[in-house]
Protein backbone atom coordinates (compact mmCIF):
# COMPACT_ATOMS: atom_id res chain seq x y z
CA MET A 1 78.47 101.91 -23.15
CA GLU A 2 76.15 103.40 -25.01
CA SER A 3 74.65 99.81 -26.67
CA ILE A 4 74.51 98.74 -22.31
CA HIS A 5 73.07 101.89 -21.52
CA GLN A 6 70.06 101.49 -24.16
CA THR A 7 69.67 97.82 -23.04
CA LEU A 8 69.19 99.04 -19.53
CA GLN A 9 66.51 101.53 -20.58
CA GLU A 10 64.63 98.75 -22.51
CA THR A 11 64.93 96.85 -19.57
CA LEU A 12 63.83 98.93 -17.00
CA GLN A 13 60.75 99.71 -19.71
CA THR A 14 59.53 96.18 -19.90
CA SER A 15 56.14 95.97 -18.11
CA ILE A 16 53.85 92.59 -17.13
CA GLU A 17 52.24 93.16 -20.57
CA ASP A 18 55.27 91.68 -22.04
CA LEU A 19 55.24 88.63 -20.17
CA PRO A 20 54.52 85.29 -21.84
CA ASP A 21 50.91 83.86 -21.06
CA GLU A 22 52.27 80.76 -19.32
CA VAL A 23 54.27 83.30 -17.14
CA LEU A 24 51.04 85.05 -16.76
CA GLU A 25 49.08 82.31 -15.92
CA PHE A 26 51.56 81.09 -12.69
CA ILE A 27 51.45 84.82 -11.19
CA LEU A 28 47.71 84.85 -11.57
CA GLY A 29 47.37 81.30 -10.25
CA PHE A 30 48.70 82.72 -6.82
CA LEU A 31 45.01 84.53 -6.33
CA PRO A 32 42.40 83.00 -5.09
CA PRO A 33 40.35 81.68 -7.62
CA TYR A 34 37.13 83.89 -6.42
CA LYS A 35 36.62 87.51 -6.53
CA ASP A 36 39.95 88.44 -7.21
CA LEU A 37 40.50 86.23 -10.05
CA GLN A 38 37.47 87.13 -11.74
CA ASN A 39 38.30 90.98 -11.21
CA CYS A 40 41.28 90.37 -13.27
CA MET A 41 39.11 89.52 -16.10
CA SER A 42 37.87 92.89 -16.59
CA VAL A 43 41.47 94.67 -16.94
CA CYS A 44 41.67 93.50 -20.72
CA LYS A 45 40.98 90.46 -22.97
CA ARG A 46 44.33 89.19 -22.67
CA TRP A 47 44.10 89.01 -19.07
CA CYS A 48 40.41 87.32 -19.26
CA ASN A 49 41.52 84.93 -21.52
CA CYS A 50 44.45 84.27 -19.20
CA ALA A 51 42.26 84.21 -16.05
CA GLU A 52 40.08 81.94 -17.37
CA SER A 53 42.37 79.38 -18.39
CA VAL A 54 43.82 79.26 -14.47
CA LEU A 55 40.22 78.46 -13.37
CA HIS A 56 39.83 75.93 -16.44
CA LYS A 57 43.56 74.36 -15.13
CA THR A 58 42.98 74.58 -11.63
CA SER A 59 39.93 72.66 -11.89
CA ILE A 60 41.51 69.90 -14.09
CA LYS A 61 44.65 70.02 -11.86
CA LEU A 62 42.13 69.36 -8.78
CA VAL A 63 40.58 65.97 -10.22
CA LYS A 64 44.15 64.80 -11.44
CA ALA A 65 45.52 65.03 -7.71
CA ILE A 66 42.32 63.53 -6.48
CA GLY A 67 42.55 60.28 -8.96
CA GLU A 68 46.50 60.22 -8.04
CA PHE A 69 45.88 60.89 -3.83
CA ASN A 70 48.70 63.73 -4.46
CA ILE A 71 46.93 66.35 -2.38
CA LEU A 72 47.71 69.41 0.03
CA TRP A 73 46.19 69.55 3.20
CA LYS A 74 45.93 73.15 4.50
CA ASN A 75 44.18 73.48 8.27
CA VAL A 76 42.71 76.94 9.10
CA VAL A 77 42.02 76.77 12.96
CA SER A 78 38.66 78.99 13.63
CA SER A 79 39.97 81.11 16.55
CA ASP A 80 42.68 82.60 13.92
CA ILE A 81 40.16 84.06 12.16
CA VAL A 82 38.03 87.40 13.87
CA PRO A 83 35.08 87.09 14.21
CA SER A 84 34.60 83.13 14.69
CA ILE A 85 31.94 81.02 14.29
CA THR A 86 31.02 78.57 16.88
CA LYS A 87 31.83 74.84 17.00
CA ARG A 88 29.38 72.43 15.60
CA PHE A 89 28.57 69.31 13.63
CA SER A 90 25.54 67.87 12.05
CA HIS A 91 25.10 71.47 10.10
CA ALA A 92 24.22 72.60 6.35
CA ALA A 93 26.64 73.85 3.95
CA CYS A 94 26.48 75.11 0.18
CA ILE A 95 28.66 76.95 -2.21
CA LEU A 96 27.04 80.04 -3.89
CA GLU A 97 29.25 82.28 -6.11
CA ASN A 98 31.86 83.69 -3.33
CA ASN A 99 31.51 82.24 -0.40
CA MET A 100 30.33 79.11 1.50
CA TYR A 101 27.14 79.69 3.76
CA ILE A 102 26.58 77.45 7.02
CA PHE A 103 23.30 77.18 8.88
CA GLY A 104 22.33 75.03 11.72
CA GLY A 105 24.02 72.27 13.65
CA CYS A 106 24.36 71.12 17.62
CA THR A 107 26.40 70.66 19.82
CA THR A 108 27.46 67.97 22.45
CA ASN A 109 24.46 69.58 24.93
CA ALA A 110 21.90 69.33 22.81
CA THR A 111 21.89 72.76 21.56
CA SER A 112 20.95 73.37 18.51
CA PHE A 113 21.62 76.66 16.26
CA ASN A 114 19.64 78.59 13.35
CA ASP A 115 22.53 81.27 12.59
CA LEU A 116 23.65 81.49 9.45
CA TRP A 117 27.67 82.46 8.86
CA LYS A 118 28.83 82.90 5.50
CA PHE A 119 32.90 82.14 4.68
CA ASP A 120 34.30 84.66 2.30
CA LEU A 121 36.27 82.54 0.18
CA SER A 122 38.32 85.44 -1.47
CA LYS A 123 39.24 87.07 1.69
CA ARG A 124 39.26 83.72 3.76
CA GLN A 125 37.03 85.26 6.36
CA TRP A 126 33.83 84.50 8.11
CA VAL A 127 30.92 87.01 8.08
CA ARG A 128 27.54 87.01 9.78
CA PRO A 129 24.50 88.40 7.76
CA LEU A 130 22.01 89.79 10.26
CA ALA A 131 19.10 89.16 8.50
CA THR A 132 15.65 90.21 8.55
CA GLY A 133 12.30 88.19 8.16
CA THR A 134 11.26 85.25 9.61
CA TYR A 135 14.28 83.02 10.77
CA PRO A 136 14.22 79.10 10.60
CA VAL A 137 14.12 77.62 14.28
CA PRO A 138 17.14 76.27 15.81
CA LYS A 139 17.96 72.35 14.23
CA ALA A 140 20.23 70.02 12.72
CA TYR A 141 20.17 67.58 10.04
CA THR A 142 18.78 69.95 7.68
CA THR A 143 19.43 70.15 4.02
CA MET A 144 20.45 73.41 2.28
CA VAL A 145 20.70 73.86 -1.60
CA ASP A 146 21.22 77.03 -3.54
CA TYR A 147 18.68 78.18 -6.18
CA LYS A 148 19.27 81.32 -8.52
CA ASP A 149 20.60 84.12 -5.88
CA CYS A 150 18.44 82.17 -2.64
CA LEU A 151 19.40 79.52 -0.11
CA ILE A 152 17.02 76.91 0.45
CA VAL A 153 16.47 75.47 3.92
CA PHE A 154 14.35 72.51 4.40
CA GLY A 155 13.24 69.81 7.04
CA GLY A 156 15.64 69.11 10.17
CA TRP A 157 14.73 68.54 13.93
CA THR A 158 15.71 69.54 17.28
CA TYR A 159 16.41 67.15 20.03
CA PRO A 160 15.15 68.04 23.94
CA SER A 161 17.31 68.94 26.38
CA LEU A 162 18.80 66.55 28.89
CA SER A 163 16.40 67.91 31.42
CA GLN A 164 13.27 67.29 29.36
CA TYR A 165 13.81 63.25 29.44
CA TYR A 166 10.18 62.04 28.60
CA GLN A 167 9.87 65.07 25.39
CA ASN A 168 10.24 63.60 22.10
CA VAL A 169 12.06 65.21 19.25
CA THR A 170 10.42 68.02 17.20
CA MET A 171 11.04 67.42 13.38
CA PHE A 172 10.22 69.75 10.47
CA ASN A 173 9.06 70.37 7.10
CA ASP A 174 8.72 74.03 6.51
CA ILE A 175 10.59 75.61 3.60
CA HIS A 176 12.74 78.58 4.37
CA PHE A 177 14.28 80.77 1.53
CA TYR A 178 17.04 83.12 1.87
CA CYS A 179 17.36 86.02 -0.14
CA VAL A 180 21.52 86.67 -0.61
CA ASN A 181 20.56 90.39 -2.13
CA THR A 182 17.70 91.47 0.45
CA ASN A 183 19.50 89.88 3.20
CA LYS A 184 16.35 88.14 4.03
CA TRP A 185 14.75 84.92 5.18
CA ILE A 186 11.00 84.25 3.71
CA LEU A 187 8.86 81.52 5.43
CA ILE A 188 7.06 79.65 2.10
CA ASN A 189 3.42 78.10 2.36
CA THR A 190 3.75 75.14 0.61
CA ASN A 191 0.67 72.74 -0.82
CA ASN A 192 0.73 69.10 0.00
CA PRO A 193 3.82 69.20 1.97
CA PRO A 194 5.62 65.70 3.05
CA PRO A 195 6.09 64.69 6.52
CA PRO A 196 8.54 65.96 8.52
CA VAL A 197 11.98 64.68 7.82
CA ALA A 198 15.62 64.88 8.96
CA GLY A 199 18.50 63.40 7.47
CA HIS A 200 17.34 63.40 4.28
CA SER A 201 19.17 64.55 1.41
CA ALA A 202 18.56 67.35 -1.56
CA CYS A 203 19.43 68.52 -4.96
CA ILE A 204 18.03 70.75 -7.58
CA HIS A 205 16.86 69.67 -10.67
CA ASP A 206 15.97 72.27 -13.01
CA ASP A 207 13.12 74.41 -11.17
CA GLU A 208 12.70 72.06 -9.06
CA MET A 209 13.86 70.72 -5.50
CA VAL A 210 14.24 66.41 -5.08
CA VAL A 211 14.33 64.97 -1.92
CA PHE A 212 15.02 61.73 -1.16
CA GLY A 213 15.10 59.75 2.25
CA GLY A 214 15.46 60.59 5.68
CA LEU A 215 13.72 60.15 9.29
CA VAL A 216 9.94 61.05 8.73
CA MET A 217 7.06 61.57 11.47
CA SER A 218 4.17 59.82 9.87
CA ALA A 219 0.99 60.70 10.62
CA THR A 220 -0.72 57.38 9.48
CA GLN A 221 1.65 55.08 12.07
CA ASN A 222 0.65 57.21 15.09
CA PHE A 223 3.50 59.86 14.42
CA GLN A 224 6.18 57.01 14.74
CA ILE A 225 9.68 57.59 13.81
CA GLN A 226 10.63 55.82 10.44
CA CYS A 227 13.38 55.38 7.75
CA SER A 228 11.84 56.37 4.33
CA ASN A 229 12.92 55.60 0.40
CA ASP A 230 10.49 57.87 -0.90
CA VAL A 231 11.23 61.09 -3.42
CA TRP A 232 9.34 64.09 -2.95
CA VAL A 233 9.75 67.10 -5.78
CA LEU A 234 8.85 70.79 -4.74
CA ASP A 235 8.11 72.66 -7.64
CA LEU A 236 9.85 75.87 -7.00
CA SER A 237 7.77 77.76 -9.39
CA THR A 238 4.54 77.11 -7.49
CA PHE A 239 5.53 75.98 -4.47
CA SER A 240 3.65 72.83 -4.68
CA TRP A 241 4.85 69.26 -3.52
CA ARG A 242 3.92 65.79 -5.01
CA LYS A 243 5.26 62.41 -4.46
CA GLN A 244 7.30 61.34 -7.26
CA PRO A 245 6.69 57.84 -8.19
CA THR A 246 9.34 55.54 -8.78
CA THR A 247 9.92 52.04 -10.26
CA ARG A 248 11.24 48.95 -8.41
CA PRO A 249 13.46 47.80 -7.27
CA ARG A 250 14.56 50.84 -5.68
CA PRO A 251 16.87 51.56 -2.14
CA SER A 252 16.06 50.15 0.78
CA PRO A 253 15.08 53.08 3.64
CA ARG A 254 17.53 54.99 5.08
CA TYR A 255 19.42 58.43 6.18
CA ALA A 256 22.16 59.99 6.43
CA GLN A 257 23.05 59.03 3.03
CA SER A 258 24.89 61.00 0.25
CA LEU A 259 22.45 62.25 -3.16
CA ILE A 260 24.82 63.82 -5.72
CA GLN A 261 23.99 64.99 -8.98
CA LEU A 262 25.36 63.27 -11.87
CA ASP A 263 23.86 65.60 -14.81
CA SER A 264 20.88 67.52 -15.65
CA ASP A 265 19.02 64.12 -15.38
CA GLN A 266 20.55 61.97 -13.32
CA LEU A 267 21.59 61.67 -9.27
CA LEU A 268 23.50 59.24 -7.59
CA LEU A 269 22.82 57.72 -4.22
CA LEU A 270 25.48 56.26 -1.93
CA GLY A 271 25.60 55.07 1.28
CA GLY A 272 23.58 55.60 4.44
CA VAL A 273 21.99 53.93 7.36
CA GLN A 274 18.88 52.54 8.64
CA THR A 275 18.71 51.91 12.78
CA LEU A 276 15.52 51.93 14.01
CA GLN A 277 14.40 48.24 13.59
CA ASN A 278 17.96 46.84 12.68
CA ARG A 279 21.21 48.47 12.86
CA PHE A 280 22.06 48.35 9.09
CA VAL A 281 24.61 50.66 7.45
CA TYR A 282 24.84 50.65 3.53
CA SER A 283 27.61 50.81 1.04
CA ASP A 284 25.35 50.44 -2.00
CA CYS A 285 25.32 52.69 -4.68
CA TRP A 286 21.89 53.81 -7.00
CA VAL A 287 21.32 55.75 -10.00
CA LEU A 288 17.88 57.54 -10.41
CA THR A 289 16.76 58.77 -13.46
CA MET A 290 14.75 61.78 -13.55
CA LYS A 291 12.78 61.49 -17.03
CA GLY A 292 9.09 60.53 -17.49
CA PRO A 293 6.12 60.55 -15.50
CA ILE A 294 7.64 57.58 -13.67
CA TRP A 295 11.33 57.85 -12.28
CA THR A 296 13.88 54.88 -12.76
CA TRP A 297 15.94 53.47 -9.70
CA LYS A 298 19.02 51.58 -11.19
CA GLU A 299 21.30 50.04 -8.71
CA ILE A 300 25.01 50.01 -9.83
CA ALA A 301 27.41 47.48 -8.66
CA VAL A 302 30.37 48.55 -6.43
CA ARG A 303 33.95 47.04 -6.93
CA ASN A 304 36.96 46.88 -4.57
CA LYS A 305 34.79 47.51 -1.59
CA GLU A 306 37.79 46.97 0.83
CA TRP A 307 38.96 50.17 -0.26
CA ALA A 308 35.75 52.08 0.47
CA SER A 309 35.51 54.94 2.65
CA ALA A 310 34.64 53.96 6.44
CA ASN A 311 31.61 54.87 8.20
CA ILE A 312 30.11 56.58 4.66
CA TRP A 313 26.87 57.25 6.10
CA CYS A 314 28.43 59.77 8.71
CA ASN A 315 31.13 60.99 6.10
CA PRO A 316 29.40 63.04 3.29
CA ALA A 317 30.77 62.49 -0.09
CA CYS A 318 31.55 64.87 -2.70
CA LYS A 319 31.70 64.88 -6.45
CA VAL A 320 34.48 66.08 -7.79
CA GLY A 321 35.01 65.47 -11.90
CA ASP A 322 34.48 61.89 -12.47
CA LYS A 323 35.55 61.19 -9.07
CA VAL A 324 33.75 60.90 -5.75
CA VAL A 325 35.64 61.74 -2.77
CA SER A 326 34.80 60.85 1.12
CA LEU A 327 37.21 61.60 4.04
CA SER A 328 37.33 58.91 6.13
CA ARG A 329 39.99 57.21 8.71
CA SER A 330 43.55 56.40 7.72
CA ARG A 331 43.69 52.27 7.23
CA ASN A 332 47.58 52.88 9.38
CA GLY A 333 44.92 54.12 12.42
CA TRP A 334 42.53 50.98 12.38
CA ASN A 335 44.69 49.36 15.06
CA SER A 336 44.04 52.31 17.34
CA ALA A 337 41.29 53.12 19.24
CA LYS A 338 37.87 51.58 18.50
CA PRO A 339 35.81 54.72 16.75
CA LEU A 340 32.28 55.36 18.67
CA VAL A 341 30.54 55.28 15.53
CA THR A 342 31.28 51.85 14.73
CA SER A 343 31.31 50.57 18.37
CA ALA A 344 28.76 51.93 20.25
CA VAL A 345 25.77 53.28 17.74
CA ARG A 346 22.79 53.96 20.10
CA LEU A 347 20.56 55.00 16.98
CA SER A 348 17.37 53.62 17.56
CA ASN A 349 15.08 55.25 20.21
CA PHE A 350 12.68 58.13 19.51
CA GLY A 351 10.34 57.37 21.94
CA ARG A 352 11.24 55.72 25.17
CA ALA A 353 12.03 52.36 25.71
CA GLU A 354 9.22 50.24 27.84
CA GLY A 355 10.75 47.75 30.78
CA ALA A 356 12.33 47.83 33.85
CA PRO A 357 14.06 51.51 34.56
CA VAL A 358 17.77 52.49 33.52
CA SER A 359 18.77 51.97 36.75
CA VAL A 360 17.76 48.52 37.08
CA ARG A 361 19.15 47.32 34.19
CA VAL A 362 22.60 48.56 34.91
CA GLU A 363 22.01 47.01 38.62
CA GLN A 364 21.33 43.88 37.11
CA SER A 365 24.64 44.26 34.93
CA LEU A 366 26.85 44.93 37.52
CA GLN A 367 26.19 41.89 39.50
CA ARG A 368 26.56 39.65 36.32
CA PRO A 369 29.88 38.34 36.53
CA LEU A 370 32.04 38.74 33.53
CA ASP A 371 33.09 35.89 31.07
CA ARG A 372 36.81 35.98 30.12
CA ASP A 373 36.95 32.53 29.33
CA GLN A 374 37.87 32.75 25.26
CA ASN A 375 36.95 28.76 24.96
CA ILE A 376 32.97 29.17 25.06
CA ASN A 377 32.37 26.10 22.81
CA GLY A 378 33.96 23.98 25.89
CA ARG A 379 36.56 22.00 23.74
CA ARG A 380 39.89 23.33 23.26
CA GLY A 381 41.53 24.05 19.94
CA ILE A 382 38.30 25.08 18.55
CA LEU A 383 38.07 29.09 17.83
CA PRO A 384 35.35 30.94 19.58
CA ARG A 385 31.96 31.32 17.92
CA GLN A 386 32.21 34.72 16.36
CA ARG A 387 29.03 36.74 17.55
CA VAL A 388 27.29 39.26 15.87
CA PRO A 389 26.93 42.48 18.11
CA VAL A 390 23.49 43.70 18.98
CA ASN A 391 24.30 47.19 19.02
CA GLU A 392 27.16 47.29 16.08
CA PRO A 393 25.39 48.01 12.51
CA ILE A 394 25.84 45.57 10.05
CA ALA A 395 25.78 45.30 6.32
CA GLY A 396 22.33 45.91 5.46
CA PRO A 397 20.31 44.91 2.24
CA SER A 398 20.26 47.84 -0.86
CA ASN A 399 16.94 46.44 -1.94
CA GLU A 400 14.09 47.37 -0.15
CA ASN A 401 12.57 43.43 -1.17
CA ASP A 402 15.45 41.99 0.80
CA GLN A 403 15.05 44.15 4.17
CA ALA A 404 11.92 41.77 5.44
CA ARG A 405 14.17 38.50 5.17
CA ILE A 406 17.18 40.26 7.28
CA PRO A 407 15.42 40.72 10.82
CA ARG A 408 14.00 37.27 10.87
CA ALA A 409 17.62 35.81 10.31
CA VAL A 410 19.93 38.04 12.53
CA ASN A 411 17.35 37.00 15.57
CA GLU A 412 17.90 33.16 14.86
CA HIS A 413 22.00 33.93 14.56
CA LEU A 414 21.83 35.53 17.52
CA ASN A 415 19.49 33.30 19.86
CA HIS A 416 21.72 30.57 18.76
CA ASP A 417 24.78 32.35 19.90
CA TYR A 418 23.31 33.28 23.23
CA ASN A 419 21.67 29.67 23.98
CA MET A 420 25.53 28.38 22.84
CA ALA A 421 26.85 30.69 25.48
CA ALA A 422 24.39 30.10 28.13
CA CYS A 423 25.24 26.45 27.99
CA SER A 424 28.81 26.61 28.34
CA GLY A 425 28.73 29.07 30.79
CA GLU A 426 26.41 26.48 32.96
CA ALA A 427 29.00 23.67 32.36
CA ARG A 428 31.93 25.86 33.54
CA GLN A 429 29.85 26.55 36.92
CA LEU A 430 28.91 22.96 37.79
CA ASN A 431 32.92 22.11 37.14
CA ASN A 432 34.55 25.01 38.46
CA GLY A 433 31.91 26.57 41.07
CA LEU A 434 32.54 30.32 41.93
CA ASP A 435 35.51 31.53 42.89
CA ILE A 436 35.78 33.62 46.19
CA CYS A 437 37.75 36.74 44.14
CA LYS A 438 34.35 36.94 41.98
CA LYS A 439 32.40 36.85 44.76
CA GLU A 440 34.60 39.55 46.65
CA THR A 441 34.37 41.45 43.19
CA ALA A 442 30.46 40.95 42.92
CA TYR A 443 30.09 42.05 46.70
CA ARG A 444 32.23 45.35 45.80
CA ARG A 445 30.05 46.07 42.82
CA ASN A 446 26.83 45.89 45.11
CA LYS A 447 28.29 48.10 47.50
CA ASN A 448 29.04 50.89 44.74
CA LYS A 449 25.80 51.10 43.00
CA ASN A 450 25.52 54.62 43.68
CA LYS A 451 29.11 54.90 42.20
CA GLY A 452 27.99 53.11 38.81
CA MET A 453 24.82 55.23 38.80
CA LYS A 454 26.87 58.40 38.79
CA ILE A 455 28.98 57.06 35.64
CA VAL A 456 25.80 55.99 34.00
CA ARG A 457 24.85 60.34 34.37
CA GLN A 458 28.63 61.22 33.29
CA LEU A 459 28.36 59.22 30.29
CA GLN A 460 24.90 60.01 29.32
CA GLU A 461 25.97 63.09 29.41
CA ALA A 462 29.58 62.57 27.59
CA ASN A 463 27.44 61.63 24.77
CA LYS A 464 28.25 63.47 21.81
CA TYR A 465 26.22 61.75 19.11
CA ARG A 466 22.47 62.84 21.36
CA MET A 467 21.55 65.30 18.55
CA ALA A 468 22.31 63.51 15.49
CA ALA A 469 20.11 60.52 17.08
CA PHE A 470 22.81 58.58 17.95
CA ALA A 471 22.36 57.96 21.67
CA CYS A 472 19.00 56.79 22.40
CA ASP A 473 17.42 53.92 24.04
CA SER A 474 16.18 50.85 22.44
CA ILE A 475 13.07 50.32 21.40
CA GLY A 476 10.65 47.34 20.27
CA ASN A 477 11.97 44.40 21.34
CA ALA A 478 15.24 44.80 22.18
CA PRO A 479 17.41 42.84 24.77
CA PRO A 480 17.64 44.91 28.13
CA GLU A 481 21.45 45.05 26.98
CA ASN A 482 21.06 47.54 24.38
CA ASP A 483 20.21 50.31 26.57
CA LEU A 484 21.97 53.81 26.38
CA ILE A 485 25.01 52.97 27.66
CA ASN A 486 27.26 49.73 27.39
CA GLN A 487 26.61 47.84 30.44
CA ARG A 488 29.61 46.07 30.06
CA GLN A 489 31.73 49.14 30.30
CA ILE A 490 30.69 49.98 33.16
CA ALA A 491 31.26 46.78 35.03
CA HIS A 492 34.81 47.30 33.90
CA LEU A 493 34.96 50.97 35.26
CA GLU A 494 33.60 49.86 38.60
CA ASN A 495 36.35 47.31 38.49
CA ARG A 496 38.87 50.03 37.58
CA LEU A 497 37.77 52.56 40.14
CA ASP A 498 37.72 49.87 42.99
CA ALA A 499 41.26 48.44 42.45
CA PRO A 500 44.12 49.60 45.04
CA ALA A 501 45.60 53.35 44.84
CA ASP A 502 48.85 51.43 44.47
CA ASN A 503 47.64 49.42 41.51
CA GLN A 504 46.11 52.55 39.72
CA GLU A 505 49.13 54.32 39.94
CA GLN A 506 51.36 51.44 38.39
CA ARG A 507 48.62 51.36 36.13
CA GLN A 508 48.50 54.97 35.11
CA SER A 509 52.30 54.99 34.40
CA ASN A 510 51.96 52.36 32.08
CA VAL A 511 49.61 53.70 30.07
CA LYS A 512 50.55 54.97 26.94
CA LYS A 513 48.89 57.68 25.13
CA ILE A 514 46.96 56.41 22.32
CA LYS A 515 47.60 58.42 18.63
CA ARG A 516 44.78 59.61 17.23
CA ASN A 517 43.44 58.78 13.80
CA THR A 518 43.99 60.96 11.00
CA LEU A 519 41.58 61.55 7.93
CA SER A 520 42.45 59.97 4.84
CA MET A 521 40.91 60.47 1.18
CA HIS A 522 39.04 57.66 -0.20
CA VAL A 523 37.92 58.00 -3.90
CA LEU A 524 35.34 56.28 -6.21
CA ASP A 525 35.87 56.24 -9.56
CA ILE A 526 32.41 57.02 -11.55
CA SER A 527 33.68 57.68 -15.16
CA THR A 528 31.98 54.74 -16.07
CA ILE A 529 28.34 55.99 -15.61
CA VAL A 530 29.24 59.24 -16.44
CA GLY A 531 30.15 61.47 -19.66
CA GLY A 532 27.87 59.06 -21.92
CA ASN A 533 29.62 55.69 -20.79
CA SER A 534 26.24 53.31 -19.60
CA MET A 535 28.38 50.64 -17.44
CA ASN A 536 26.73 48.99 -14.53
CA TYR A 537 29.73 49.57 -12.02
CA VAL A 538 31.98 51.79 -9.89
CA SER A 539 34.86 51.37 -8.41
CA TRP A 540 36.78 52.47 -5.32
CA LEU A 541 40.58 53.49 -6.03
CA CYS A 542 43.45 51.90 -3.78
CA PRO A 543 43.93 54.61 -1.48
CA ARG A 544 47.56 56.14 -0.54
CA LEU A 545 49.09 54.22 2.18
CA GLY A 546 50.40 55.93 5.06
CA GLU A 547 49.33 59.08 6.62
CA MET A 548 49.30 62.48 4.57
CA ARG A 549 51.29 64.85 5.54
CA GLY A 550 49.01 67.68 7.01
CA ALA A 551 45.85 65.62 7.31
CA PRO A 552 43.51 66.16 10.61
CA GLU A 553 42.29 64.31 13.24
CA GLU A 554 39.43 61.92 12.22
CA LEU A 555 36.04 63.73 12.17
CA VAL A 556 32.76 62.79 11.24
CA MET A 557 29.24 64.54 10.54
CA TYR A 558 31.50 67.51 9.21
CA SER A 559 30.52 69.31 5.73
CA LEU A 560 32.21 68.96 2.62
CA VAL A 561 32.03 71.21 -0.60
CA LYS A 562 33.77 72.05 -3.61
CA GLY A 563 34.95 75.21 -4.50
CA ASN A 564 36.93 76.80 -7.22
CA GLY A 565 40.24 74.05 -7.77
CA GLU A 566 39.89 72.93 -4.07
CA LEU A 567 37.72 71.06 -1.46
CA ILE A 568 36.54 72.57 1.99
CA MET A 569 35.85 70.73 4.87
CA PHE A 570 34.38 72.44 8.06
CA GLY A 571 32.97 71.59 11.50
CA GLY A 572 32.79 68.28 12.86
CA VAL A 573 32.95 65.92 16.08
CA HIS A 574 36.06 63.72 16.80
CA ASN A 575 35.26 60.08 16.24
CA ASP A 576 37.95 58.46 19.08
CA ILE A 577 36.86 58.62 22.33
CA SER A 578 38.69 57.36 25.63
CA ILE A 579 36.33 57.21 28.87
CA LEU A 580 39.70 58.63 30.93
CA ASN A 581 39.10 61.93 29.20
CA TYR A 582 35.32 62.41 28.33
CA ASN A 583 35.32 65.66 30.21
CA GLU A 584 37.22 67.36 27.84
CA GLN A 585 34.56 68.18 25.53
CA GLN A 586 35.98 71.77 24.76
CA ASN A 587 38.50 69.79 22.07
CA MET A 588 35.79 67.37 21.17
CA TYR A 589 34.19 69.34 18.43
CA SER A 590 35.47 71.37 15.78
CA ASN A 591 34.86 75.11 13.75
CA SER A 592 38.41 74.81 11.71
CA LEU A 593 38.28 74.62 7.96
CA HIS A 594 40.23 72.18 6.26
CA PHE A 595 41.08 72.77 2.58
CA ILE A 596 42.63 70.18 0.07
CA THR A 597 44.17 71.88 -2.93
CA PRO A 598 46.28 70.39 -5.69
CA PRO A 599 50.27 70.65 -5.49
CA ARG A 600 51.27 73.95 -7.06
CA ASP A 601 53.07 73.92 -10.40
CA ILE A 602 56.66 75.03 -10.81
CA ILE A 603 58.45 76.80 -13.57
């Protein structure tokens, strides 16, 4: 009896200090790996070692989980957190110490922001610092990087409101510092600044900020907006700019690319888009070596492109160890509604298009009969010729030297297909004549011109990419079909609106709700070019098939940053668009937080 009593007393006197290190690390692993875990390091030397071990193992587990596609999604709706940040996309984000900072961005009605929000990663709550000093102007498509105890905001643009039709976009090249300790904005006057830029990329290299590409407003080109592949460097000690000379060949001009820091002397360039003259999307990969007076570009071969992330230009990439992560639509959702980003990109006009007004071009389109004959070659047993859609971006040349040879080849291909289709259409009209049903349809379209223009205005207002340069008229010598909206879709909408009420009710009863696509993780293995390796290729890993549990609906133009043992995704705009519910704009944009973490260990 006495031995039992003595054992009981010894058990009651046992404290947490008597636990093995493995058990103590398991308990500390439940704390957020930020300020709370850092406070545990000040308890004693043993706790400090265990906390450091937890941080190290958490980082390793994240890299392993990403390589094996064994991750967990945790979604936090912003309405559950008070105060709540405004919904937005095309904003800037970065991590500094224990906080994630969000600046700027825009919404559907051409409203841009200049507010700064801080998300406390330890407490998991939003805080809006009411800073003093000179605030940046409201803008989107800007960059924000951390330097010492400051945040550096550079570039960006503001698109005019819907009422200011003839006003051009406004781009910026000013530098703003936000000091975290003093909670103050400071406008910096620099020497020899670059032209105003937006959609660029920026990284910190020692005491310099490196800027690549973007959309620039060049004074030498009558202030026309064009894509750039220049490298500009800001000396943060003297606040002076210089245009950095680089070797050739170099990447093609582009914007909306991802610029990732590999080590202290190398940057990785991935993806991008060019849509001013020809709509090109890029999936190439380049490495910039920042040594010597002339920096060196080197193109890296990309393997397994069929497993690459879709729309890499509007899905940011984030480096995790020897992997690069990009979130895009899952492959099991590719047969559902076509995304607006790849099917109706309207990225090309920053001055207004010349020629006939929009109303005249829409009227001409509504009078044009629709061709529903798939046998466009005029012979049976031959597949229809595959036409390159003018409004869809195509894979572009990675090297700027090949850029000039592409437009001519594309135009010749399009003209040849147009002539073939026109000849076959004339043959069908000569042989078959004009059907009575088509005459009635054409009469009905002419009768409802005002209705067609109403739909045009509604589609313009519903266009969710206007602030991000994704919904502008065509410029240059583009054909009338490349207008602000897809005019063929208007013709189909007219047919739908003019149908009898009985047919509409029957059609609505038969329509099934389209299942939205969910995000999937795509991983680029860069272990062949980091860690002392000097191979000339990187590889996309085979993604996990099927939908990941807890994955959110597909978003684009979100922010993706790496925290301690987790990836943090914020904001964005839904990629799928349905004409039937285009007025539901409140659900089109997001201010939710999504965390990607590795599975928790089990003892």
